[in-house]
């Protein structure tokens, strides 16, 4: 069980990219007091957890209703993750939004913490490592993201702007590699006639 949790934790950690979010969080909340930042972090964690868990719980039912196999979803999801990774690798900066009272919900909670990459990855690893391991990994990653954002000021000073950007690019490269792996496994299942919905 611990092995499944660890194996599901790694791709989700890459997908969340908390270190990549950190510079944006610092920029968006630089005018806020520390207590307001704490409230925003909690709000973002709650939003991300509710969205991701909800998607994981109804994802299989949705796929079954649409007649989509997990292999199909792996190929499509892998292609989407690969696109996100390439865009991030080739884009010098990510878009930022003006801070507001719902900053913890949008854009921090979603799409930054629980964005398309996290939702797609969560849906895919459920079939590989099980619902329990996926849920634990999701919540742990969201908690880790919250802790990283909490110590964002100190970490940004240690890594520096260049270090934070470099780390974000490394995460994007790993995400691209995971996306290729997902597409490969999806094609293998498709070619072998595998379907998760078969008895």
C-alpha atoms as a PDB file:
ATOM      1  CA  UNK A   1       0.000   0.000   0.000  1.00  0.00           C
ATOM      2  CA  UNK A   2       2.819   2.403   0.887  1.00  0.00           C
ATOM      3  CA  UNK A   3       4.434   1.670  -2.484  1.00  0.00           C
ATOM      4  CA  UNK A   4       1.208   2.553  -4.318  1.00  0.00           C
ATOM      5  CA  UNK A   5       0.914   5.785  -2.358  1.00  0.00           C
ATOM      6  CA  UNK A   6       4.492   6.709  -3.207  1.00  0.00           C
ATOM      7  CA  UNK A   7       4.104   5.829  -6.888  1.00  0.00           C
ATOM      8  CA  UNK A   8       0.894   7.872  -7.136  1.00  0.00           C
ATOM      9  CA  UNK A   9       2.383  10.732  -5.125  1.00  0.00           C
ATOM     10  CA  UNK A  10       5.243  11.393  -7.574  1.00  0.00           C
ATOM     11  CA  UNK A  11       3.236  12.163 -10.765  1.00  0.00           C
ATOM     12  CA  UNK A  12       0.789  14.259  -8.751  1.00  0.00           C
ATOM     13  CA  UNK A  13       3.649  16.199  -7.181  1.00  0.00           C
ATOM     14  CA  UNK A  14       4.956  16.973 -10.657  1.00  0.00           C
ATOM     15  CA  UNK A  15       1.465  17.906 -11.892  1.00  0.00           C
ATOM     16  CA  UNK A  16       0.760  20.233  -8.955  1.00  0.00           C
ATOM     17  CA  UNK A  17       4.141  21.969  -9.453  1.00  0.00           C
ATOM     18  CA  UNK A  18       3.924  23.799  -6.125  1.00  0.00           C
ATOM     19  CA  UNK A  19       7.418  25.209  -6.590  1.00  0.00           C
ATOM     20  CA  UNK A  20       6.392  26.659  -9.937  1.00  0.00           C
ATOM     21  CA  UNK A  21       3.302  28.214  -8.333  1.00  0.00           C
ATOM     22  CA  UNK A  22       5.341  29.737  -5.528  1.00  0.00           C
ATOM     23  CA  UNK A  23       6.723  32.786  -7.421  1.00  0.00           C
ATOM     24  CA  UNK A  24       3.224  33.635  -8.680  1.00  0.00           C
ATOM     25  CA  UNK A  25       1.821  33.358  -5.168  1.00  0.00           C
ATOM     26  CA  UNK A  26       4.485  35.741  -3.877  1.00  0.00           C
ATOM     27  CA  UNK A  27       3.745  38.235  -6.655  1.00  0.00           C
ATOM     28  CA  UNK A  28      -0.040  38.046  -6.228  1.00  0.00           C
ATOM     29  CA  UNK A  29       0.003  38.384  -2.434  1.00  0.00           C
ATOM     30  CA  UNK A  30       2.863  40.810  -1.890  1.00  0.00           C
ATOM     31  CA  UNK A  31       0.453  43.525  -0.719  1.00  0.00           C
ATOM     32  CA  UNK A  32      -1.347  41.233   1.749  1.00  0.00           C
ATOM     33  CA  UNK A  33      -0.686  40.863   5.475  1.00  0.00           C
ATOM     34  CA  UNK A  34       0.569  37.522   6.786  1.00  0.00           C
ATOM     35  CA  UNK A  35      -2.804  36.566   8.284  1.00  0.00           C
ATOM     36  CA  UNK A  36      -4.505  37.307   4.963  1.00  0.00           C
ATOM     37  CA  UNK A  37      -1.941  35.161   3.150  1.00  0.00           C
ATOM     38  CA  UNK A  38      -2.660  32.293   5.545  1.00  0.00           C
ATOM     39  CA  UNK A  39      -6.385  32.606   4.865  1.00  0.00           C
ATOM     40  CA  UNK A  40      -5.776  32.615   1.110  1.00  0.00           C
ATOM     41  CA  UNK A  41      -3.584  29.502   1.352  1.00  0.00           C
ATOM     42  CA  UNK A  42      -6.253  27.638   3.340  1.00  0.00           C
ATOM     43  CA  UNK A  43      -8.905  28.723   0.854  1.00  0.00           C
ATOM     44  CA  UNK A  44      -6.812  27.514  -2.083  1.00  0.00           C
ATOM     45  CA  UNK A  45      -6.135  24.142  -0.422  1.00  0.00           C
ATOM     46  CA  UNK A  46      -9.823  23.589   0.344  1.00  0.00           C
ATOM     47  CA  UNK A  47     -10.832  24.498  -3.200  1.00  0.00           C
ATOM     48  CA  UNK A  48      -8.211  22.236  -4.764  1.00  0.00           C
ATOM     49  CA  UNK A  49      -9.092  19.303  -2.491  1.00  0.00           C
ATOM     50  CA  UNK A  50     -12.844  19.508  -3.149  1.00  0.00           C
ATOM     51  CA  UNK A  51     -12.387  19.822  -6.895  1.00  0.00           C
ATOM     52  CA  UNK A  52      -9.818  17.037  -7.243  1.00  0.00           C
ATOM     53  CA  UNK A  53     -11.591  14.558  -4.949  1.00  0.00           C
ATOM     54  CA  UNK A  54     -14.935  15.228  -6.621  1.00  0.00           C
ATOM     55  CA  UNK A  55     -13.426  14.575 -10.027  1.00  0.00           C
ATOM     56  CA  UNK A  56     -11.788  11.346  -8.867  1.00  0.00           C
ATOM     57  CA  UNK A  57     -15.042  10.041  -7.357  1.00  0.00           C
ATOM     58  CA  UNK A  58     -17.247  10.654 -10.404  1.00  0.00           C
ATOM     59  CA  UNK A  59     -14.584  10.214 -13.061  1.00  0.00           C
ATOM     60  CA  UNK A  60     -15.058   6.472 -13.557  1.00  0.00           C
ATOM     61  CA  UNK A  61     -18.846   6.796 -13.722  1.00  0.00           C
ATOM     62  CA  UNK A  62     -18.510   9.552 -16.288  1.00  0.00           C
ATOM     63  CA  UNK A  63     -16.153   7.484 -18.438  1.00  0.00           C
ATOM     64  CA  UNK A  64     -18.436   4.447 -18.231  1.00  0.00           C
ATOM     65  CA  UNK A  65     -21.480   6.523 -19.161  1.00  0.00           C
ATOM     66  CA  UNK A  66     -19.654   7.923 -22.194  1.00  0.00           C
ATOM     67  CA  UNK A  67     -18.308   4.509 -23.172  1.00  0.00           C
ATOM     68  CA  UNK A  68     -14.678   5.579 -22.858  1.00  0.00           C
ATOM     69  CA  UNK A  69     -12.028   3.053 -21.800  1.00  0.00           C
ATOM     70  CA  UNK A  70      -9.187   3.930 -19.482  1.00  0.00           C
ATOM     71  CA  UNK A  71      -6.825   3.366 -22.411  1.00  0.00           C
ATOM     72  CA  UNK A  72      -8.637   6.059 -24.400  1.00  0.00           C
ATOM     73  CA  UNK A  73      -8.421   8.403 -21.443  1.00  0.00           C
ATOM     74  CA  UNK A  74      -4.728   7.673 -20.985  1.00  0.00           C
ATOM     75  CA  UNK A  75      -3.926   8.633 -24.568  1.00  0.00           C
ATOM     76  CA  UNK A  76      -6.088  11.775 -24.458  1.00  0.00           C
ATOM     77  CA  UNK A  77      -4.927  12.742 -20.978  1.00  0.00           C
ATOM     78  CA  UNK A  78      -1.292  12.131 -21.861  1.00  0.00           C
ATOM     79  CA  UNK A  79      -1.615  14.337 -24.936  1.00  0.00           C
ATOM     80  CA  UNK A  80      -3.130  17.129 -22.850  1.00  0.00           C
ATOM     81  CA  UNK A  81      -0.457  16.847 -20.164  1.00  0.00           C
ATOM     82  CA  UNK A  82       2.234  16.882 -22.841  1.00  0.00           C
ATOM     83  CA  UNK A  83       0.736  20.049 -24.340  1.00  0.00           C
ATOM     84  CA  UNK A  84       0.710  21.776 -20.941  1.00  0.00           C
ATOM     85  CA  UNK A  85       4.315  20.755 -20.337  1.00  0.00           C
ATOM     86  CA  UNK A  86       5.506  22.009 -23.721  1.00  0.00           C
ATOM     87  CA  UNK A  87       3.652  25.313 -23.349  1.00  0.00           C
ATOM     88  CA  UNK A  88       5.207  25.843 -19.921  1.00  0.00           C
ATOM     89  CA  UNK A  89       8.674  24.911 -21.171  1.00  0.00           C
ATOM     90  CA  UNK A  90       8.464  27.303 -24.107  1.00  0.00           C
ATOM     91  CA  UNK A  91       6.689  30.152 -22.298  1.00  0.00           C
ATOM     92  CA  UNK A  92       9.012  32.554 -20.466  1.00  0.00           C
ATOM     93  CA  UNK A  93       6.318  33.466 -17.935  1.00  0.00           C
ATOM     94  CA  UNK A  94       2.844  32.358 -16.888  1.00  0.00           C
ATOM     95  CA  UNK A  95      -0.152  34.623 -16.978  1.00  0.00           C
ATOM     96  CA  UNK A  96      -0.968  36.398 -13.755  1.00  0.00           C
ATOM     97  CA  UNK A  97      -4.226  37.810 -12.481  1.00  0.00           C
ATOM     98  CA  UNK A  98      -4.949  40.805 -10.361  1.00  0.00           C
ATOM     99  CA  UNK A  99      -5.431  39.824  -6.695  1.00  0.00           C
ATOM    100  CA  UNK A 100      -8.989  39.818  -5.395  1.00  0.00           C
ATOM    101  CA  UNK A 101     -11.082  38.554  -2.497  1.00  0.00           C
ATOM    102  CA  UNK A 102     -11.423  35.144  -4.180  1.00  0.00           C
ATOM    103  CA  UNK A 103      -7.723  34.800  -4.910  1.00  0.00           C
ATOM    104  CA  UNK A 104      -7.586  31.540  -2.955  1.00  0.00           C
ATOM    105  CA  UNK A 105     -10.289  30.017  -5.152  1.00  0.00           C
ATOM    106  CA  UNK A 106      -9.215  31.422  -8.527  1.00  0.00           C
ATOM    107  CA  UNK A 107      -6.489  31.309  -9.684  1.00  0.00           C
ATOM    108  CA  UNK A 108      -4.662  29.605  -6.768  1.00  0.00           C
ATOM    109  CA  UNK A 109      -7.076  26.786  -5.897  1.00  0.00           C
ATOM    110  CA  UNK A 110      -7.858  26.257  -9.543  1.00  0.00           C
ATOM    111  CA  UNK A 111      -6.343  26.227 -12.093  1.00  0.00           C
ATOM    112  CA  UNK A 112      -2.929  26.588 -10.416  1.00  0.00           C
ATOM    113  CA  UNK A 113      -3.060  23.882  -7.700  1.00  0.00           C
ATOM    114  CA  UNK A 114      -5.890  21.696  -9.021  1.00  0.00           C
ATOM    115  CA  UNK A 115      -5.663  22.428 -12.706  1.00  0.00           C
ATOM    116  CA  UNK A 116      -6.276  20.225 -15.758  1.00  0.00           C
ATOM    117  CA  UNK A 117      -2.922  18.475 -15.293  1.00  0.00           C
ATOM    118  CA  UNK A 118      -3.765  17.416 -11.711  1.00  0.00           C
ATOM    119  CA  UNK A 119      -7.329  16.340 -12.552  1.00  0.00           C
ATOM    120  CA  UNK A 120      -6.192  14.309 -15.550  1.00  0.00           C
ATOM    121  CA  UNK A 121      -3.320  12.698 -13.657  1.00  0.00           C
ATOM    122  CA  UNK A 122      -5.587  11.858 -10.701  1.00  0.00           C
ATOM    123  CA  UNK A 123      -8.105  10.172 -12.953  1.00  0.00           C
ATOM    124  CA  UNK A 124      -5.411   8.089 -14.600  1.00  0.00           C
ATOM    125  CA  UNK A 125      -3.571   6.885 -11.492  1.00  0.00           C
ATOM    126  CA  UNK A 126      -6.785   5.676  -9.836  1.00  0.00           C
ATOM    127  CA  UNK A 127      -6.844   2.744 -12.265  1.00  0.00           C
ATOM    128  CA  UNK A 128      -3.177   1.993 -11.621  1.00  0.00           C
ATOM    129  CA  UNK A 129      -2.773   2.418  -7.861  1.00  0.00           C
ATOM    130  CA  UNK A 130      -6.317   2.385  -6.477  1.00  0.00           C
ATOM    131  CA  UNK A 131      -8.710   4.950  -5.033  1.00  0.00           C
ATOM    132  CA  UNK A 132      -7.288   4.967  -1.498  1.00  0.00           C
ATOM    133  CA  UNK A 133      -3.682   5.561  -2.611  1.00  0.00           C
ATOM    134  CA  UNK A 134      -4.811   8.277  -5.017  1.00  0.00           C
ATOM    135  CA  UNK A 135      -6.849  10.079  -2.360  1.00  0.00           C
ATOM    136  CA  UNK A 136      -3.988   9.991   0.144  1.00  0.00           C
ATOM    137  CA  UNK A 137      -1.547  11.229  -2.491  1.00  0.00           C
ATOM    138  CA  UNK A 138      -3.908  13.997  -3.566  1.00  0.00           C
ATOM    139  CA  UNK A 139      -4.463  15.295  -0.059  1.00  0.00           C
ATOM    140  CA  UNK A 140      -0.769  14.973   0.785  1.00  0.00           C
ATOM    141  CA  UNK A 141       0.248  16.890  -2.324  1.00  0.00           C
ATOM    142  CA  UNK A 142      -2.256  19.642  -1.608  1.00  0.00           C
ATOM    143  CA  UNK A 143      -0.942  19.833   1.958  1.00  0.00           C
ATOM    144  CA  UNK A 144       2.648  20.000   0.668  1.00  0.00           C
ATOM    145  CA  UNK A 145       1.623  22.746  -1.766  1.00  0.00           C
ATOM    146  CA  UNK A 146       0.096  24.695   1.120  1.00  0.00           C
ATOM    147  CA  UNK A 147       3.263  24.321   3.200  1.00  0.00           C
ATOM    148  CA  UNK A 148       5.424  25.437   0.283  1.00  0.00           C
ATOM    149  CA  UNK A 149       3.247  28.492  -0.259  1.00  0.00           C
ATOM    150  CA  UNK A 150       3.391  29.180   3.488  1.00  0.00           C
ATOM    151  CA  UNK A 151       7.161  29.326   3.348  1.00  0.00           C
ATOM    152  CA  UNK A 152       7.226  30.908  -0.092  1.00  0.00           C
ATOM    153  CA  UNK A 153       8.956  34.121   0.967  1.00  0.00           C
ATOM    154  CA  UNK A 154      11.894  32.287   2.537  1.00  0.00           C
ATOM    155  CA  UNK A 155      12.160  29.732  -0.279  1.00  0.00           C
ATOM    156  CA  UNK A 156      12.097  32.406  -2.962  1.00  0.00           C
ATOM    157  CA  UNK A 157      14.957  34.189  -1.244  1.00  0.00           C
ATOM    158  CA  UNK A 158      16.946  30.934  -1.050  1.00  0.00           C
ATOM    159  CA  UNK A 159      16.300  29.782  -4.623  1.00  0.00           C
ATOM    160  CA  UNK A 160      16.232  33.232  -6.135  1.00  0.00           C
ATOM    161  CA  UNK A 161      14.143  34.161  -9.156  1.00  0.00           C
ATOM    162  CA  UNK A 162      16.369  32.229 -11.548  1.00  0.00           C
ATOM    163  CA  UNK A 163      16.393  29.160  -9.290  1.00  0.00           C
ATOM    164  CA  UNK A 164      12.605  29.124  -8.983  1.00  0.00           C
ATOM    165  CA  UNK A 165      12.186  29.378 -12.750  1.00  0.00           C
ATOM    166  CA  UNK A 166      14.754  26.623 -13.340  1.00  0.00           C
ATOM    167  CA  UNK A 167      13.001  24.296 -10.883  1.00  0.00           C
ATOM    168  CA  UNK A 168       9.668  24.975 -12.575  1.00  0.00           C
ATOM    169  CA  UNK A 169      11.151  24.050 -15.961  1.00  0.00           C
ATOM    170  CA  UNK A 170      12.517  20.793 -14.555  1.00  0.00           C
ATOM    171  CA  UNK A 171       9.035  19.948 -13.253  1.00  0.00           C
ATOM    172  CA  UNK A 172       7.590  20.668 -16.705  1.00  0.00           C
ATOM    173  CA  UNK A 173      10.152  18.365 -18.314  1.00  0.00           C
ATOM    174  CA  UNK A 174       9.237  15.567 -15.899  1.00  0.00           C
ATOM    175  CA  UNK A 175       5.557  16.176 -16.631  1.00  0.00           C
ATOM    176  CA  UNK A 176       6.253  15.801 -20.364  1.00  0.00           C
ATOM    177  CA  UNK A 177       8.019  12.486 -19.726  1.00  0.00           C
ATOM    178  CA  UNK A 178       5.085  11.232 -17.604  1.00  0.00           C
ATOM    179  CA  UNK A 179       2.684  12.292 -20.382  1.00  0.00           C
ATOM    180  CA  UNK A 180       4.616  10.232 -22.938  1.00  0.00           C
ATOM    181  CA  UNK A 181       4.517   7.249 -20.569  1.00  0.00           C
ATOM    182  CA  UNK A 182       0.739   7.574 -20.169  1.00  0.00           C
ATOM    183  CA  UNK A 183       0.197   7.712 -23.941  1.00  0.00           C
ATOM    184  CA  UNK A 184       2.429   4.657 -24.390  1.00  0.00           C
ATOM    185  CA  UNK A 185       0.481   2.661 -21.792  1.00  0.00           C
ATOM    186  CA  UNK A 186      -2.816   3.790 -23.291  1.00  0.00           C
ATOM    187  CA  UNK A 187      -1.761   2.625 -26.745  1.00  0.00           C
ATOM    188  CA  UNK A 188      -0.589  -0.695 -25.312  1.00  0.00           C
ATOM    189  CA  UNK A 189      -3.996  -1.230 -23.712  1.00  0.00           C
ATOM    190  CA  UNK A 190      -5.777  -0.188 -26.898  1.00  0.00           C
ATOM    191  CA  UNK A 191      -3.722  -2.577 -29.045  1.00  0.00           C
ATOM    192  CA  UNK A 192      -4.252  -5.450 -26.629  1.00  0.00           C
ATOM    193  CA  UNK A 193      -8.015  -4.849 -26.559  1.00  0.00           C
ATOM    194  CA  UNK A 194      -7.924  -4.105 -22.836  1.00  0.00           C
ATOM    195  CA  UNK A 195     -10.849  -2.305 -21.212  1.00  0.00           C
ATOM    196  CA  UNK A 196     -11.331  -1.564 -17.545  1.00  0.00           C
ATOM    197  CA  UNK A 197     -15.071  -1.969 -18.011  1.00  0.00           C
ATOM    198  CA  UNK A 198     -14.898  -5.564 -19.209  1.00  0.00           C
ATOM    199  CA  UNK A 199     -15.857  -8.268 -16.735  1.00  0.00           C
END
